[in-house]
Amino acid sequence: MEPRVGNKFRLGRKIGSGSFGEIYLGTNIQTNEEVAIKLVSSLANKLAIKRRAGIPNVRWFGVEGDYNVMVMDLLGPSLEDLFNFCSRKLSLKSVLMLADQMINRVEFVHSKSFLHRDIKPDNFIMGLGRRANQVYMIDFGLAKKYRDSSHQHIPYR
């Protein structure tokens, strides 16, 4: 029997890995839509930033056997992959368009009182299809809250 997640998704081949888990291609059993499924050693739904432009939509998360599982939208190549594909040369216009979106993603995460703590080209991913020009920020495995509920800075430890 093929591996399933949450009785709703079929687990496919491994397509990547993050700080604390591995990412697999998955398929919604009912709609046949492809998704990304992240199996993590300990699921920490740290950021309450669902359904926001530039943040992958989490479709389902929960425990499946020995794994904590997160199912999210399937996205395209990382900026590192894109940069390599373009022979490590991008036009000024492309750099400015990418940088603008990347800065907006970082500002948004900071506005939610979190620091990403792993900013690198591998953690910015391009969308697919009609969202192919949208930059997404991923891999919040090292993210940390830096302000408390009164918006005071939490002391560094």
C-alpha atoms as a PDB file:
ATOM      1  CA  MET A   1       0.000   0.000   0.000  1.00  0.00           C
ATOM      2  CA  GLU A   2       1.284   3.465  -0.885  1.00  0.00           C
ATOM      3  CA  PRO A   3       2.159   5.806   2.010  1.00  0.00           C
ATOM      4  CA  ARG A   4      -0.611   8.277   2.860  1.00  0.00           C
ATOM      5  CA  VAL A   5      -0.748  11.347   5.032  1.00  0.00           C
ATOM      6  CA  GLY A   6      -3.891  12.312   6.913  1.00  0.00           C
ATOM      7  CA  ASN A   7      -5.963   9.942   4.731  1.00  0.00           C
ATOM      8  CA  LYS A   8      -6.028  12.783   2.196  1.00  0.00           C
ATOM      9  CA  PHE A   9      -2.581  12.896   0.578  1.00  0.00           C
ATOM     10  CA  ARG A  10      -0.422  10.319  -1.221  1.00  0.00           C
ATOM     11  CA  LEU A  11       3.291  10.560  -0.375  1.00  0.00           C
ATOM     12  CA  GLY A  12       5.560  10.604  -3.435  1.00  0.00           C
ATOM     13  CA  ARG A  13       9.275  11.030  -4.081  1.00  0.00           C
ATOM     14  CA  LYS A  14      11.645  13.166  -2.019  1.00  0.00           C
ATOM     15  CA  ILE A  15      12.151  16.598  -3.602  1.00  0.00           C
ATOM     16  CA  GLY A  16      14.218  18.414  -0.969  1.00  0.00           C
ATOM     17  CA  SER A  17      15.184  18.871   2.631  1.00  0.00           C
ATOM     18  CA  GLY A  18      15.156  21.675   5.153  1.00  0.00           C
ATOM     19  CA  SER A  19      16.742  22.364   8.516  1.00  0.00           C
ATOM     20  CA  PHE A  20      14.589  19.882  10.413  1.00  0.00           C
ATOM     21  CA  GLY A  21      12.937  17.666   7.864  1.00  0.00           C
ATOM     22  CA  GLU A  22      12.547  16.280   4.392  1.00  0.00           C
ATOM     23  CA  ILE A  23      10.171  17.477   1.674  1.00  0.00           C
ATOM     24  CA  TYR A  24       8.271  15.085  -0.581  1.00  0.00           C
ATOM     25  CA  LEU A  25       6.072  15.501  -3.621  1.00  0.00           C
ATOM     26  CA  GLY A  26       2.526  14.622  -2.642  1.00  0.00           C
ATOM     27  CA  THR A  27      -0.857  14.305  -4.312  1.00  0.00           C
ATOM     28  CA  ASN A  28      -4.289  15.146  -2.972  1.00  0.00           C
ATOM     29  CA  ILE A  29      -6.124  11.818  -3.325  1.00  0.00           C
ATOM     30  CA  GLN A  30      -9.473  13.497  -4.116  1.00  0.00           C
ATOM     31  CA  THR A  31      -8.378  16.246  -6.546  1.00  0.00           C
ATOM     32  CA  ASN A  32      -5.067  14.861  -7.884  1.00  0.00           C
ATOM     33  CA  GLU A  33      -3.493  18.272  -7.117  1.00  0.00           C
ATOM     34  CA  GLU A  34       0.237  18.165  -6.370  1.00  0.00           C
ATOM     35  CA  VAL A  35       1.438  19.524  -3.014  1.00  0.00           C
ATOM     36  CA  ALA A  36       4.635  19.569  -0.988  1.00  0.00           C
ATOM     37  CA  ILE A  37       4.689  17.405   2.153  1.00  0.00           C
ATOM     38  CA  LYS A  38       7.285  18.131   4.824  1.00  0.00           C
ATOM     39  CA  LEU A  39       8.067  15.425   7.367  1.00  0.00           C
ATOM     40  CA  VAL A  40       9.720  17.022  10.378  1.00  0.00           C
ATOM     41  CA  SER A  41      11.260  15.648  13.547  1.00  0.00           C
ATOM     42  CA  SER A  42       9.194  18.011  15.704  1.00  0.00           C
ATOM     43  CA  LEU A  43       6.418  20.113  14.238  1.00  0.00           C
ATOM     44  CA  ALA A  44       6.492  23.651  15.545  1.00  0.00           C
ATOM     45  CA  ASN A  45       3.754  25.705  13.952  1.00  0.00           C
ATOM     46  CA  LYS A  46       5.617  28.787  15.119  1.00  0.00           C
ATOM     47  CA  LEU A  47       4.229  31.455  12.852  1.00  0.00           C
ATOM     48  CA  ALA A  48       0.607  32.505  12.775  1.00  0.00           C
ATOM     49  CA  ILE A  49       1.015  33.835   9.240  1.00  0.00           C
ATOM     50  CA  LYS A  50      -1.225  31.588   7.195  1.00  0.00           C
ATOM     51  CA  ARG A  51      -2.640  32.601   3.808  1.00  0.00           C
ATOM     52  CA  ARG A  52      -0.283  35.519   3.322  1.00  0.00           C
ATOM     53  CA  ALA A  53       1.343  36.438   0.009  1.00  0.00           C
ATOM     54  CA  GLY A  54       4.848  35.045  -0.074  1.00  0.00           C
ATOM     55  CA  ILE A  55       4.297  32.514   2.716  1.00  0.00           C
ATOM     56  CA  PRO A  56       3.392  28.969   1.567  1.00  0.00           C
ATOM     57  CA  ASN A  57      -0.169  27.932   2.350  1.00  0.00           C
ATOM     58  CA  VAL A  58      -0.241  25.091   4.883  1.00  0.00           C
ATOM     59  CA  ARG A  59      -2.969  22.667   3.747  1.00  0.00           C
ATOM     60  CA  TRP A  60      -2.775  20.203   6.650  1.00  0.00           C
ATOM     61  CA  PHE A  61      -0.545  19.350   9.560  1.00  0.00           C
ATOM     62  CA  GLY A  62      -0.616  16.663  12.173  1.00  0.00           C
ATOM     63  CA  VAL A  63       1.007  13.457  13.365  1.00  0.00           C
ATOM     64  CA  GLU A  64       1.291  10.431  11.083  1.00  0.00           C
ATOM     65  CA  GLY A  65       2.998   7.430  12.677  1.00  0.00           C
ATOM     66  CA  ASP A  66       6.456   8.471  13.877  1.00  0.00           C
ATOM     67  CA  TYR A  67       6.357  11.779  11.987  1.00  0.00           C
ATOM     68  CA  ASN A  68       4.961  15.230  12.416  1.00  0.00           C
ATOM     69  CA  VAL A  69       3.729  16.174   8.946  1.00  0.00           C
ATOM     70  CA  MET A  70       3.063  19.459   7.176  1.00  0.00           C
ATOM     71  CA  VAL A  71       1.375  19.561   3.745  1.00  0.00           C
ATOM     72  CA  MET A  72       1.789  22.835   1.855  1.00  0.00           C
ATOM     73  CA  ASP A  73       1.514  24.306  -1.622  1.00  0.00           C
ATOM     74  CA  LEU A  74       4.023  22.951  -4.113  1.00  0.00           C
ATOM     75  CA  LEU A  75       6.420  25.700  -5.182  1.00  0.00           C
ATOM     76  CA  GLY A  76       9.107  26.141  -7.820  1.00  0.00           C
ATOM     77  CA  PRO A  77      12.884  26.526  -7.726  1.00  0.00           C
ATOM     78  CA  SER A  78      14.823  28.303  -4.998  1.00  0.00           C
ATOM     79  CA  LEU A  79      16.602  31.564  -5.771  1.00  0.00           C
ATOM     80  CA  GLU A  80      19.862  29.619  -5.498  1.00  0.00           C
ATOM     81  CA  ASP A  81      18.650  27.193  -8.187  1.00  0.00           C
ATOM     82  CA  LEU A  82      17.382  30.069 -10.339  1.00  0.00           C
ATOM     83  CA  PHE A  83      20.686  31.938  -9.981  1.00  0.00           C
ATOM     84  CA  ASN A  84      22.617  28.833 -11.038  1.00  0.00           C
ATOM     85  CA  PHE A  85      20.229  28.223 -13.949  1.00  0.00           C
ATOM     86  CA  CYS A  86      20.930  31.788 -15.159  1.00  0.00           C
ATOM     87  CA  SER A  87      24.717  31.188 -15.042  1.00  0.00           C
ATOM     88  CA  ARG A  88      24.862  33.269 -11.842  1.00  0.00           C
ATOM     89  CA  LYS A  89      23.917  36.437 -13.755  1.00  0.00           C
ATOM     90  CA  LEU A  90      20.643  38.324 -13.345  1.00  0.00           C
ATOM     91  CA  SER A  91      19.581  41.623 -14.882  1.00  0.00           C
ATOM     92  CA  LEU A  92      19.347  44.692 -12.660  1.00  0.00           C
ATOM     93  CA  LYS A  93      15.563  44.661 -13.160  1.00  0.00           C
ATOM     94  CA  SER A  94      15.336  41.027 -11.979  1.00  0.00           C
ATOM     95  CA  VAL A  95      17.544  41.712  -8.947  1.00  0.00           C
ATOM     96  CA  LEU A  96      15.427  44.717  -7.953  1.00  0.00           C
ATOM     97  CA  MET A  97      12.140  42.830  -8.383  1.00  0.00           C
ATOM     98  CA  LEU A  98      13.425  39.868  -6.346  1.00  0.00           C
ATOM     99  CA  ALA A  99      15.015  42.062  -3.651  1.00  0.00           C
ATOM    100  CA  ASP A 100      11.799  44.063  -3.221  1.00  0.00           C
ATOM    101  CA  GLN A 101       9.788  40.891  -2.564  1.00  0.00           C
ATOM    102  CA  MET A 102      12.472  39.384  -0.313  1.00  0.00           C
ATOM    103  CA  ILE A 103      12.610  42.539   1.829  1.00  0.00           C
ATOM    104  CA  ASN A 104       8.798  42.529   2.059  1.00  0.00           C
ATOM    105  CA  ARG A 105       8.845  38.895   3.274  1.00  0.00           C
ATOM    106  CA  VAL A 106      11.463  39.655   5.949  1.00  0.00           C
ATOM    107  CA  GLU A 107       9.555  42.768   7.062  1.00  0.00           C
ATOM    108  CA  PHE A 108       6.349  40.753   7.348  1.00  0.00           C
ATOM    109  CA  VAL A 109       7.972  38.039   9.481  1.00  0.00           C
ATOM    110  CA  HIS A 110       9.477  40.761  11.706  1.00  0.00           C
ATOM    111  CA  SER A 111       6.039  42.419  12.002  1.00  0.00           C
ATOM    112  CA  LYS A 112       4.822  39.139  13.527  1.00  0.00           C
ATOM    113  CA  SER A 113       7.605  39.396  16.161  1.00  0.00           C
ATOM    114  CA  PHE A 114       9.775  36.659  14.651  1.00  0.00           C
ATOM    115  CA  LEU A 115      13.288  36.477  13.271  1.00  0.00           C
ATOM    116  CA  HIS A 116      13.819  33.929  10.487  1.00  0.00           C
ATOM    117  CA  ARG A 117      17.509  33.341  11.411  1.00  0.00           C
ATOM    118  CA  ASP A 118      18.351  31.419   8.227  1.00  0.00           C
ATOM    119  CA  ILE A 119      18.148  33.966   5.404  1.00  0.00           C
ATOM    120  CA  LYS A 120      19.805  32.560   2.278  1.00  0.00           C
ATOM    121  CA  PRO A 121      18.890  32.039  -1.400  1.00  0.00           C
ATOM    122  CA  ASP A 122      17.840  28.416  -0.717  1.00  0.00           C
ATOM    123  CA  ASN A 123      15.090  29.683   1.618  1.00  0.00           C
ATOM    124  CA  PHE A 124      13.421  31.910  -0.961  1.00  0.00           C
ATOM    125  CA  ILE A 125      11.383  29.930  -3.499  1.00  0.00           C
ATOM    126  CA  MET A 126       9.633  30.998  -6.684  1.00  0.00           C
ATOM    127  CA  GLY A 127       5.962  30.175  -7.160  1.00  0.00           C
ATOM    128  CA  LEU A 128       4.520  28.019  -9.933  1.00  0.00           C
ATOM    129  CA  GLY A 129       1.996  28.691 -12.700  1.00  0.00           C
ATOM    130  CA  ARG A 130       0.231  32.025 -12.363  1.00  0.00           C
ATOM    131  CA  ARG A 131       2.321  32.727  -9.239  1.00  0.00           C
ATOM    132  CA  ALA A 132       5.644  32.038 -10.984  1.00  0.00           C
ATOM    133  CA  ASN A 133       6.802  35.642 -10.405  1.00  0.00           C
ATOM    134  CA  GLN A 134       6.046  35.551  -6.683  1.00  0.00           C
ATOM    135  CA  VAL A 135       8.836  34.957  -4.159  1.00  0.00           C
ATOM    136  CA  TYR A 136       8.017  32.800  -1.114  1.00  0.00           C
ATOM    137  CA  MET A 137       9.974  32.578   2.131  1.00  0.00           C
ATOM    138  CA  ILE A 138      10.338  29.037   3.511  1.00  0.00           C
ATOM    139  CA  ASP A 139      12.029  26.996   6.253  1.00  0.00           C
ATOM    140  CA  PHE A 140      11.140  28.594   9.561  1.00  0.00           C
ATOM    141  CA  GLY A 141      12.882  25.806  11.491  1.00  0.00           C
ATOM    142  CA  LEU A 142      15.312  28.233  13.147  1.00  0.00           C
ATOM    143  CA  ALA A 143      12.793  31.083  13.573  1.00  0.00           C
ATOM    144  CA  LYS A 144      12.594  32.665  16.990  1.00  0.00           C
ATOM    145  CA  LYS A 145      10.232  35.109  18.649  1.00  0.00           C
ATOM    146  CA  TYR A 146      12.004  38.368  19.456  1.00  0.00           C
ATOM    147  CA  ARG A 147       9.162  40.435  20.973  1.00  0.00           C
ATOM    148  CA  ASP A 148       6.710  39.507  23.711  1.00  0.00           C
ATOM    149  CA  SER A 149       2.940  40.120  23.637  1.00  0.00           C
ATOM    150  CA  SER A 150       3.463  43.771  24.678  1.00  0.00           C
ATOM    151  CA  HIS A 151       5.913  44.185  21.747  1.00  0.00           C
ATOM    152  CA  GLN A 152       8.883  44.581  24.096  1.00  0.00           C
ATOM    153  CA  HIS A 153      12.132  43.091  22.848  1.00  0.00           C
ATOM    154  CA  ILE A 154      12.855  39.725  24.488  1.00  0.00           C
ATOM    155  CA  PRO A 155      16.347  39.703  26.073  1.00  0.00           C
ATOM    156  CA  TYR A 156      18.994  37.851  24.082  1.00  0.00           C
ATOM    157  CA  ARG A 157      20.065  34.524  25.649  1.00  0.00           C
END
